[in-house]
Amino acid sequence: MAVYKCAGRKRRDEENVPYCDYEAEARWLGRCPACGRLYDCDRVGPERASGRATLATLQTIEEKPRLSTGITGLDRVLGGGGLVPGTTVVLSGEPGCGKTTLLLQMADHLATERHPVLFASGEQTKEAISSIARRLGITNPHVIVLGMEGDIDKIMEVAAEVKARVVIVDSLQTARIEDVKANAGSSEQCRAVANVVTEWAPIKGVTVVLICHVDKAGDLAGPKAVEHLADTIVELNDAKEYDEDGELKPRTKDWVELLVGKNRHGESGLSALFNRGQDGMQEVERRSKLLRFPT
């Protein structure tokens, strides 16, 4: 259970005594129920670091090796080499564009390399996810499935139990924190979930992938704060091609394009092209020089 403490504990009087030591299991904003001051509460748990900060110079800090996804185009789009441990990636796209398929293929490769993956879905049962995986030929025992579960605290607990290196949450709109009194998918819940996972991921060295839906207007559902907090934003879009008469080119009917926007650990604007089929996502050759390669 999360613990929330008054931010007044960070301020001290002349005798070095905290202004307020109030704590509760429920989140509040505004005036503290104990001291009455206008302080926001802070979420405090066992994952939060304590004690003095550890200092290091740039020369002594070692970069953690990336985790290859096993999908060349995805590795390239993420910045070369794959996922960065301890980061949060948002994958957005319209329903049916292949987000789950792509991530299941990624999970299979990671698990084969002995990097356990937790796939937590608040939208589908574990049987439904297993059905999709079996159609793709994925039966890896190190891909752990958690169906119909959107409670982020429970997802993090299971991730710790199975020692997951990567956690996939499907989707941000169904994820929730029980202490936040708002409906799943609301701005309050999306913001709270994003805050928690982006704080938890680097502490545990776990990479979190948040699947995010796109609404009818083509906008990323949820608050803009999610884009601000995440390390990488990747979009999966329809990439059909039409001839000069406006007729669909048959070979492109299942094409989708993976495009990275924001990327703190690589170049933005990179893309990869995939063909979505019964056997999964297969990368296809570039069709235009307008699509950028890293130099």
Protein backbone atom coordinates (compact mmCIF):
# COMPACT_ATOMS: atom_id res chain seq x y z
CA MET A 1 0.00 0.00 0.00
CA ALA A 2 1.30 3.44 -0.91
CA VAL A 3 1.95 5.96 1.84
CA TYR A 4 1.39 9.69 1.31
CA LYS A 5 3.20 12.21 3.51
CA CYS A 6 2.75 15.94 3.87
CA ALA A 7 5.41 17.84 1.94
CA GLY A 8 5.75 20.04 5.02
CA ARG A 9 8.11 17.42 6.44
CA LYS A 10 10.77 18.79 4.10
CA ARG A 11 10.70 22.19 5.83
CA ARG A 12 12.07 22.58 9.33
CA ASP A 13 11.84 25.20 12.05
CA GLU A 14 14.69 26.82 13.97
CA GLU A 15 15.09 23.69 16.12
CA ASN A 16 15.32 21.50 13.00
CA VAL A 17 11.90 19.96 13.65
CA PRO A 18 9.73 19.22 10.58
CA TYR A 19 6.71 21.47 10.17
CA CYS A 20 4.46 18.45 9.74
CA ASP A 21 4.80 14.66 9.98
CA TYR A 22 1.27 13.75 8.83
CA GLU A 23 0.94 10.66 6.65
CA ALA A 24 -2.00 8.71 5.22
CA GLU A 25 -2.87 5.90 2.84
CA ALA A 26 -5.12 8.13 0.74
CA ARG A 27 -3.86 10.84 -1.59
CA TRP A 28 -4.82 14.46 -1.07
CA LEU A 29 -4.05 17.81 -2.67
CA GLY A 30 -4.23 21.29 -1.21
CA ARG A 31 -4.43 21.81 2.53
CA CYS A 32 -2.89 19.15 4.73
CA PRO A 33 -5.52 17.57 7.05
CA ALA A 34 -3.10 17.95 9.99
CA CYS A 35 -1.21 21.24 9.69
CA GLY A 36 -3.61 23.02 7.34
CA ARG A 37 -0.85 24.41 5.17
CA LEU A 38 -1.16 24.42 1.39
CA TYR A 39 1.18 21.53 0.70
CA ASP A 40 0.75 18.77 -1.85
CA CYS A 41 1.34 15.27 -0.52
CA ASP A 42 4.20 13.08 -1.73
CA ARG A 43 3.87 9.40 -2.57
CA VAL A 44 6.42 7.54 -0.45
CA GLY A 45 7.15 3.82 -0.73
CA PRO A 46 9.95 1.29 -0.26
CA GLU A 47 11.19 2.07 -3.76
CA ARG A 48 12.04 5.67 -2.86
CA ALA A 49 15.72 6.23 -2.16
CA SER A 50 16.70 7.33 1.34
CA GLY A 51 19.79 8.79 2.90
CA ARG A 52 22.41 10.96 1.24
CA ALA A 53 22.72 11.14 -2.52
CA THR A 54 25.58 9.21 -4.09
CA LEU A 55 27.84 11.45 -6.15
CA ALA A 56 29.71 10.39 -9.28
CA THR A 57 31.60 12.01 -12.11
CA LEU A 58 30.72 11.54 -15.77
CA GLN A 59 33.91 9.55 -16.26
CA THR A 60 32.98 6.97 -13.62
CA ILE A 61 29.35 6.40 -14.64
CA GLU A 62 28.94 3.23 -16.69
CA GLU A 63 26.13 3.08 -19.24
CA LYS A 64 23.92 0.02 -18.94
CA PRO A 65 23.81 -2.07 -22.13
CA ARG A 66 20.64 -1.82 -24.17
CA LEU A 67 18.27 -4.75 -24.54
CA SER A 68 17.88 -5.74 -28.18
CA THR A 69 14.25 -6.31 -29.15
CA GLY A 70 15.21 -8.79 -31.87
CA ILE A 71 13.40 -6.58 -34.39
CA THR A 72 15.91 -4.65 -36.48
CA GLY A 73 13.57 -1.79 -37.38
CA LEU A 74 12.39 -1.34 -33.80
CA ASP A 75 15.96 -1.34 -32.48
CA ARG A 76 16.90 1.30 -35.04
CA VAL A 77 13.91 3.51 -34.23
CA LEU A 78 14.64 3.33 -30.49
CA GLY A 79 18.06 4.78 -31.12
CA GLY A 80 20.22 1.82 -32.06
CA GLY A 81 20.59 -1.25 -29.90
CA GLY A 82 17.09 -1.47 -28.46
CA LEU A 83 15.54 -0.63 -25.09
CA VAL A 84 17.40 1.42 -22.49
CA PRO A 85 17.03 -0.15 -19.00
CA GLY A 86 15.13 2.00 -16.51
CA THR A 87 13.25 4.06 -19.08
CA THR A 88 9.60 4.49 -20.04
CA VAL A 89 8.44 4.10 -23.65
CA VAL A 90 4.98 5.06 -24.92
CA LEU A 91 3.74 3.20 -28.02
CA SER A 92 0.65 4.77 -29.54
CA GLY A 93 -1.54 3.87 -32.47
CA GLU A 94 -5.09 3.24 -33.63
CA PRO A 95 -6.88 0.03 -32.58
CA GLY A 96 -5.83 -2.94 -34.71
CA CYS A 97 -2.66 -1.39 -36.08
CA GLY A 98 -0.47 -4.13 -34.57
CA LYS A 99 0.80 -2.71 -31.26
CA THR A 100 0.16 -5.90 -29.29
CA THR A 101 1.59 -8.09 -32.07
CA LEU A 102 4.80 -6.07 -32.28
CA LEU A 103 5.32 -6.09 -28.52
CA LEU A 104 4.61 -9.81 -28.18
CA GLN A 105 7.27 -10.49 -30.80
CA MET A 106 9.64 -8.24 -28.86
CA ALA A 107 8.76 -10.02 -25.60
CA ASP A 108 9.47 -13.41 -27.16
CA HIS A 109 12.98 -12.38 -28.22
CA LEU A 110 13.78 -10.75 -24.88
CA ALA A 111 12.58 -13.81 -22.98
CA THR A 112 14.66 -16.07 -25.23
CA GLU A 113 17.68 -13.98 -24.19
CA ARG A 114 16.74 -14.67 -20.55
CA HIS A 115 15.19 -11.26 -19.90
CA PRO A 116 11.81 -12.05 -18.27
CA VAL A 117 8.93 -9.93 -19.59
CA LEU A 118 5.64 -9.15 -17.84
CA PHE A 119 2.72 -8.41 -20.19
CA ALA A 120 -0.06 -6.84 -18.11
CA SER A 121 -3.36 -6.14 -19.84
CA GLY A 122 -6.30 -4.28 -18.38
CA GLU A 123 -8.33 -4.90 -21.53
CA GLN A 124 -7.97 -8.61 -22.29
CA THR A 125 -7.92 -11.85 -20.36
CA LYS A 126 -4.73 -13.90 -20.17
CA GLU A 127 -6.43 -16.48 -22.40
CA ALA A 128 -7.05 -13.86 -25.10
CA ILE A 129 -3.43 -12.71 -25.00
CA SER A 130 -2.25 -16.32 -25.07
CA SER A 131 -4.40 -16.92 -28.16
CA ILE A 132 -2.71 -14.06 -30.01
CA ALA A 133 0.73 -15.26 -28.90
CA ARG A 134 0.09 -18.84 -30.06
CA ARG A 135 -1.06 -17.60 -33.46
CA LEU A 136 2.35 -15.93 -33.71
CA GLY A 137 4.07 -19.11 -32.55
CA ILE A 138 5.05 -17.61 -29.18
CA THR A 139 4.97 -19.98 -26.21
CA ASN A 140 8.01 -18.77 -24.26
CA PRO A 141 7.64 -19.59 -20.53
CA HIS A 142 9.54 -16.41 -19.60
CA VAL A 143 6.79 -14.20 -21.01
CA ILE A 144 4.49 -13.81 -18.02
CA VAL A 145 0.91 -12.71 -18.74
CA LEU A 146 -1.30 -10.81 -16.31
CA GLY A 147 -4.83 -10.47 -17.68
CA MET A 148 -7.60 -8.01 -16.75
CA GLU A 149 -5.38 -6.15 -14.32
CA GLY A 150 -4.89 -2.39 -14.41
CA ASP A 151 -3.80 -1.70 -10.83
CA ILE A 152 -0.27 -0.32 -11.22
CA ASP A 153 0.74 -1.20 -7.66
CA LYS A 154 -0.21 -4.84 -8.26
CA ILE A 155 1.57 -4.86 -11.62
CA MET A 156 4.75 -3.58 -9.98
CA GLU A 157 4.46 -6.19 -7.22
CA VAL A 158 4.16 -9.02 -9.76
CA ALA A 159 7.06 -7.56 -11.78
CA ALA A 160 9.23 -7.73 -8.65
CA GLU A 161 8.14 -11.31 -7.93
CA VAL A 162 8.99 -12.59 -11.42
CA LYS A 163 12.09 -10.35 -11.69
CA ALA A 164 10.88 -8.85 -14.95
CA ARG A 165 13.36 -6.79 -16.96
CA VAL A 166 10.62 -5.34 -19.16
CA VAL A 167 7.00 -4.56 -18.22
CA ILE A 168 4.40 -3.97 -20.94
CA VAL A 169 1.18 -2.25 -19.81
CA ASP A 170 -1.79 -2.56 -22.16
CA SER A 171 -2.99 0.11 -21.90
CA LEU A 172 -2.44 3.48 -20.22
CA GLN A 173 -6.20 4.14 -20.52
CA THR A 174 -7.02 1.10 -18.35
CA ALA A 175 -4.19 1.56 -15.85
CA ARG A 176 -5.03 3.06 -12.49
CA ILE A 177 -3.83 3.80 -8.98
CA GLU A 178 -6.41 2.83 -6.37
CA ASP A 179 -5.67 5.85 -4.17
CA VAL A 180 -6.56 8.28 -6.96
CA LYS A 181 -10.30 8.91 -6.86
CA ALA A 182 -10.89 9.19 -10.59
CA ASN A 183 -11.95 6.86 -13.38
CA ALA A 184 -9.36 4.91 -15.36
CA GLY A 185 -8.49 6.80 -18.52
CA SER A 186 -9.09 10.21 -16.95
CA SER A 187 -6.41 12.87 -17.01
CA GLU A 188 -5.87 12.45 -13.27
CA GLN A 189 -5.32 8.69 -13.51
CA CYS A 190 -3.12 8.85 -16.62
CA ARG A 191 -0.95 11.53 -15.04
CA ALA A 192 -0.68 9.64 -11.75
CA VAL A 193 0.20 6.35 -13.50
CA ALA A 194 2.84 8.06 -15.64
CA ASN A 195 4.37 9.71 -12.58
CA VAL A 196 4.57 6.43 -10.67
CA VAL A 197 6.06 4.28 -13.44
CA THR A 198 8.61 6.89 -14.54
CA GLU A 199 9.79 7.11 -10.93
CA TRP A 200 9.78 3.34 -10.36
CA ALA A 201 11.44 2.24 -13.62
CA PRO A 202 14.89 3.81 -13.12
CA ILE A 203 15.04 2.79 -9.46
CA LYS A 204 14.44 -0.87 -10.34
CA GLY A 205 16.26 -0.80 -13.68
CA VAL A 206 13.08 -2.02 -15.41
CA THR A 207 11.98 -0.81 -18.83
CA VAL A 208 8.26 0.04 -18.95
CA VAL A 209 6.34 0.13 -22.23
CA LEU A 210 2.96 1.85 -22.06
CA ILE A 211 0.56 1.11 -24.90
CA CYS A 212 -1.51 4.21 -25.57
CA HIS A 213 -4.59 4.52 -27.76
CA VAL A 214 -5.17 7.22 -30.32
CA ASP A 215 -8.58 8.93 -30.34
CA LYS A 216 -10.77 9.69 -33.37
CA ALA A 217 -9.04 13.02 -33.92
CA GLY A 218 -5.70 11.25 -34.16
CA ASP A 219 -4.46 12.67 -30.87
CA LEU A 220 -2.63 10.75 -28.17
CA ALA A 221 -5.25 9.88 -25.55
CA GLY A 222 -4.51 10.98 -22.01
CA PRO A 223 -2.88 14.18 -20.78
CA LYS A 224 0.06 15.84 -22.49
CA ALA A 225 1.91 15.26 -19.21
CA VAL A 226 2.45 11.65 -20.34
CA GLU A 227 4.45 12.83 -23.33
CA HIS A 228 6.44 15.09 -21.04
CA LEU A 229 7.29 12.33 -18.56
CA ALA A 230 8.07 9.44 -20.92
CA ASP A 231 11.59 8.99 -22.27
CA THR A 232 10.51 7.86 -25.73
CA ILE A 233 7.31 8.33 -27.75
CA VAL A 234 6.78 5.93 -30.67
CA GLU A 235 3.81 5.92 -33.04
CA LEU A 236 2.50 3.07 -35.20
CA ASN A 237 0.52 4.42 -38.15
CA ASP A 238 -1.20 3.15 -41.28
CA ALA A 239 1.17 3.33 -44.29
CA LYS A 240 -1.00 2.25 -47.25
CA GLU A 241 0.01 3.54 -50.69
CA TYR A 242 -2.27 4.60 -53.53
CA ASP A 243 -1.57 5.00 -57.26
CA GLU A 244 -2.20 8.12 -59.31
CA ASP A 245 -5.81 7.03 -59.88
CA GLY A 246 -6.44 6.79 -56.17
CA GLU A 247 -6.49 2.98 -56.19
CA LEU A 248 -4.91 1.08 -53.31
CA LYS A 249 -1.68 -0.71 -54.16
CA PRO A 250 -2.50 -4.28 -53.02
CA ARG A 251 0.92 -5.08 -51.59
CA THR A 252 0.68 -2.09 -49.23
CA LYS A 253 -2.74 -2.88 -47.72
CA ASP A 254 -1.18 -4.19 -44.49
CA TRP A 255 1.71 -1.75 -44.27
CA VAL A 256 2.28 0.18 -41.03
CA GLU A 257 5.00 2.69 -40.21
CA LEU A 258 6.79 2.94 -36.88
CA LEU A 259 7.91 6.51 -36.20
CA VAL A 260 9.76 7.86 -33.15
CA GLY A 261 8.96 11.40 -32.05
CA LYS A 262 10.53 12.30 -28.74
CA ASN A 263 13.61 10.26 -27.84
CA ARG A 264 15.90 11.14 -24.95
CA HIS A 265 18.28 8.32 -25.84
CA GLY A 266 18.51 8.60 -29.60
CA GLU A 267 17.59 10.54 -32.70
CA SER A 268 13.98 11.54 -33.32
CA GLY A 269 12.25 11.29 -36.69
CA LEU A 270 13.52 7.79 -37.51
CA SER A 271 11.06 5.27 -38.95
CA ALA A 272 10.64 1.65 -39.92
CA LEU A 273 8.13 0.02 -42.25
CA PHE A 274 6.36 -3.26 -41.46
CA ASN A 275 3.92 -5.59 -43.16
CA ARG A 276 1.23 -6.80 -40.74
CA GLY A 277 0.32 -10.44 -41.42
CA GLN A 278 -0.92 -13.62 -39.75
CA ASP A 279 2.64 -14.52 -38.79
CA GLY A 280 3.32 -11.16 -37.18
CA MET A 281 5.09 -7.98 -38.19
CA GLN A 282 7.72 -8.33 -40.91
CA GLU A 283 9.96 -5.41 -41.82
CA VAL A 284 9.91 -4.36 -45.49
CA GLU A 285 12.37 -2.36 -47.55
CA ARG A 286 12.15 1.39 -47.56
CA ARG A 287 9.88 2.74 -50.28
CA SER A 288 11.09 6.35 -50.30
CA LYS A 289 14.20 8.35 -49.58
CA LEU A 290 11.95 10.65 -47.56
CA LEU A 291 12.13 8.09 -44.74
CA ARG A 292 15.28 8.83 -42.79
CA PHE A 293 18.07 6.49 -41.83
CA PRO A 294 20.55 7.34 -39.09
CA THR A 295 23.83 8.53 -40.56
